[in-house]
Amino acid sequence: MPRPTKGQRTPGSGRKKGVTNGDTAKLRELILGALDDVGGREYLAKQAIKNPTAFMSLIGRVLPKDVKIAGDSENPVKINIAPALTPEQWANAFSIKNKTGE
């Protein structure tokens, strides 16, 4: 096989599709470990009330970017829009206490 010219890659070189960078995997493990150390799910729920902007930014990063929804004439897609909740209503609905200083 001829060597690639300047600026070209050797076919098949590089990381295979779907393989996570080792540093990224280690960083994710550290972040999840720190989350467990501070209370995990309960901590995130408190942060949703205390820092809603940062929490929604986090939600935007973990939700899928492309969602395809399909329906047909016999099973159409239905969308129900729930009323917006205040942080206090949200906390009460999910039994989370919003204490100052937490």
C-alpha atoms as a PDB file:
ATOM      1  CA  MET A   1       0.000   0.000   0.000  1.00  0.00           C
ATOM      2  CA  PRO A   2       1.473   3.403  -0.901  1.00  0.00           C
ATOM      3  CA  ARG A   3       2.228   5.851   1.866  1.00  0.00           C
ATOM      4  CA  PRO A   4      -0.225   8.734   2.152  1.00  0.00           C
ATOM      5  CA  THR A   5       0.924  12.105   0.878  1.00  0.00           C
ATOM      6  CA  LYS A   6       1.295  15.068   3.177  1.00  0.00           C
ATOM      7  CA  GLY A   7      -2.024  15.994   4.787  1.00  0.00           C
ATOM      8  CA  GLN A   8      -3.637  12.589   4.185  1.00  0.00           C
ATOM      9  CA  ARG A   9      -4.303   9.802   6.662  1.00  0.00           C
ATOM     10  CA  THR A  10      -3.589   6.154   6.385  1.00  0.00           C
ATOM     11  CA  PRO A  11      -6.946   4.402   5.867  1.00  0.00           C
ATOM     12  CA  GLY A  12      -8.074   2.691   9.063  1.00  0.00           C
ATOM     13  CA  SER A  13      -5.842   4.755  11.322  1.00  0.00           C
ATOM     14  CA  GLY A  14      -7.215   6.500  14.359  1.00  0.00           C
ATOM     15  CA  ARG A  15      -9.856   5.588  16.908  1.00  0.00           C
ATOM     16  CA  LYS A  16     -12.663   3.319  15.773  1.00  0.00           C
ATOM     17  CA  LYS A  17     -16.198   4.735  15.663  1.00  0.00           C
ATOM     18  CA  GLY A  18     -17.958   4.558  19.030  1.00  0.00           C
ATOM     19  CA  VAL A  19     -14.822   4.054  21.121  1.00  0.00           C
ATOM     20  CA  THR A  20     -14.637   6.541  23.992  1.00  0.00           C
ATOM     21  CA  ASN A  21     -11.474   8.531  24.569  1.00  0.00           C
ATOM     22  CA  GLY A  22      -9.775   7.100  27.677  1.00  0.00           C
ATOM     23  CA  ASP A  23      -9.453  10.522  29.302  1.00  0.00           C
ATOM     24  CA  THR A  24     -13.155  11.209  28.748  1.00  0.00           C
ATOM     25  CA  ALA A  25     -14.084   7.900  30.383  1.00  0.00           C
ATOM     26  CA  LYS A  26     -11.839   8.651  33.385  1.00  0.00           C
ATOM     27  CA  LEU A  27     -13.290  12.145  33.757  1.00  0.00           C
ATOM     28  CA  ARG A  28     -16.851  10.795  33.601  1.00  0.00           C
ATOM     29  CA  GLU A  29     -15.967   8.243  36.296  1.00  0.00           C
ATOM     30  CA  LEU A  30     -14.527  10.993  38.533  1.00  0.00           C
ATOM     31  CA  ILE A  31     -17.605  13.196  38.094  1.00  0.00           C
ATOM     32  CA  LEU A  32     -20.019  10.356  38.857  1.00  0.00           C
ATOM     33  CA  GLY A  33     -17.941   9.383  41.905  1.00  0.00           C
ATOM     34  CA  ALA A  34     -18.063  12.955  43.198  1.00  0.00           C
ATOM     35  CA  LEU A  35     -21.829  13.028  42.612  1.00  0.00           C
ATOM     36  CA  ASP A  36     -22.217   9.853  44.692  1.00  0.00           C
ATOM     37  CA  ASP A  37     -20.086  11.406  47.445  1.00  0.00           C
ATOM     38  CA  VAL A  38     -22.388  14.441  47.789  1.00  0.00           C
ATOM     39  CA  GLY A  39     -25.680  12.588  47.746  1.00  0.00           C
ATOM     40  CA  GLY A  40     -26.356  11.567  44.152  1.00  0.00           C
ATOM     41  CA  ARG A  41     -29.971  11.942  43.100  1.00  0.00           C
ATOM     42  CA  GLU A  42     -31.031  13.927  46.174  1.00  0.00           C
ATOM     43  CA  TYR A  43     -28.201  16.415  45.608  1.00  0.00           C
ATOM     44  CA  LEU A  44     -29.237  16.908  41.966  1.00  0.00           C
ATOM     45  CA  ALA A  45     -32.847  17.448  43.025  1.00  0.00           C
ATOM     46  CA  LYS A  46     -31.742  20.145  45.490  1.00  0.00           C
ATOM     47  CA  GLN A  47     -29.636  21.798  42.795  1.00  0.00           C
ATOM     48  CA  ALA A  48     -32.629  21.835  40.447  1.00  0.00           C
ATOM     49  CA  ILE A  49     -34.360  24.109  42.951  1.00  0.00           C
ATOM     50  CA  LYS A  50     -31.353  26.094  44.117  1.00  0.00           C
ATOM     51  CA  ASN A  51     -29.730  26.603  40.665  1.00  0.00           C
ATOM     52  CA  PRO A  52     -32.397  25.954  38.007  1.00  0.00           C
ATOM     53  CA  THR A  53     -30.398  27.562  35.182  1.00  0.00           C
ATOM     54  CA  ALA A  54     -27.356  25.359  35.749  1.00  0.00           C
ATOM     55  CA  PHE A  55     -29.574  22.303  36.233  1.00  0.00           C
ATOM     56  CA  MET A  56     -31.432  22.888  32.968  1.00  0.00           C
ATOM     57  CA  SER A  57     -28.087  23.315  31.210  1.00  0.00           C
ATOM     58  CA  LEU A  58     -27.110  19.890  32.538  1.00  0.00           C
ATOM     59  CA  ILE A  59     -30.418  18.424  31.326  1.00  0.00           C
ATOM     60  CA  GLY A  60     -29.784  19.892  27.879  1.00  0.00           C
ATOM     61  CA  ARG A  61     -26.434  18.108  27.742  1.00  0.00           C
ATOM     62  CA  VAL A  62     -27.692  14.667  28.707  1.00  0.00           C
ATOM     63  CA  LEU A  63     -30.892  14.492  26.669  1.00  0.00           C
ATOM     64  CA  PRO A  64     -30.610  13.173  23.125  1.00  0.00           C
ATOM     65  CA  LYS A  65     -30.088  15.926  20.571  1.00  0.00           C
ATOM     66  CA  ASP A  66     -32.133  14.271  17.827  1.00  0.00           C
ATOM     67  CA  VAL A  67     -35.413  12.627  18.718  1.00  0.00           C
ATOM     68  CA  LYS A  68     -37.563  11.140  16.006  1.00  0.00           C
ATOM     69  CA  ILE A  69     -41.211  10.642  16.834  1.00  0.00           C
ATOM     70  CA  ALA A  70     -43.421   8.780  14.424  1.00  0.00           C
ATOM     71  CA  GLY A  71     -47.077   7.922  14.387  1.00  0.00           C
ATOM     72  CA  ASP A  72     -49.583   6.671  11.890  1.00  0.00           C
ATOM     73  CA  SER A  73     -53.276   7.121  11.176  1.00  0.00           C
ATOM     74  CA  GLU A  74     -54.250   4.408  13.675  1.00  0.00           C
ATOM     75  CA  ASN A  75     -51.778   5.470  16.385  1.00  0.00           C
ATOM     76  CA  PRO A  76     -51.242   9.226  16.108  1.00  0.00           C
ATOM     77  CA  VAL A  77     -48.741  10.993  18.328  1.00  0.00           C
ATOM     78  CA  LYS A  78     -50.468  12.801  21.209  1.00  0.00           C
ATOM     79  CA  ILE A  79     -48.851  15.632  23.127  1.00  0.00           C
ATOM     80  CA  ASN A  80     -50.108  16.635  26.559  1.00  0.00           C
ATOM     81  CA  ILE A  81     -48.702  19.881  27.890  1.00  0.00           C
ATOM     82  CA  ALA A  82     -48.671  20.073  31.682  1.00  0.00           C
ATOM     83  CA  PRO A  83     -48.854  23.429  33.439  1.00  0.00           C
ATOM     84  CA  ALA A  84     -45.535  24.887  34.574  1.00  0.00           C
ATOM     85  CA  LEU A  85     -44.628  24.368  38.212  1.00  0.00           C
ATOM     86  CA  THR A  86     -42.871  26.838  40.452  1.00  0.00           C
ATOM     87  CA  PRO A  87     -39.731  25.513  42.170  1.00  0.00           C
ATOM     88  CA  GLU A  88     -41.735  25.158  45.406  1.00  0.00           C
ATOM     89  CA  GLN A  89     -44.537  23.216  43.694  1.00  0.00           C
ATOM     90  CA  TRP A  90     -41.930  21.018  42.012  1.00  0.00           C
ATOM     91  CA  ALA A  91     -40.241  20.357  45.369  1.00  0.00           C
ATOM     92  CA  ASN A  92     -43.568  19.479  47.000  1.00  0.00           C
ATOM     93  CA  ALA A  93     -44.541  17.204  44.124  1.00  0.00           C
ATOM     94  CA  PHE A  94     -41.308  15.267  44.501  1.00  0.00           C
ATOM     95  CA  SER A  95     -41.045  15.501  48.316  1.00  0.00           C
ATOM     96  CA  ILE A  96     -37.891  17.619  48.347  1.00  0.00           C
ATOM     97  CA  LYS A  97     -37.344  20.120  51.129  1.00  0.00           C
ATOM     98  CA  ASN A  98     -35.887  23.477  50.108  1.00  0.00           C
ATOM     99  CA  LYS A  99     -33.946  24.618  53.154  1.00  0.00           C
ATOM    100  CA  THR A 100     -31.697  27.653  53.053  1.00  0.00           C
ATOM    101  CA  GLY A 101     -28.013  26.944  53.335  1.00  0.00           C
ATOM    102  CA  GLU A 102     -28.117  23.610  51.484  1.00  0.00           C
END
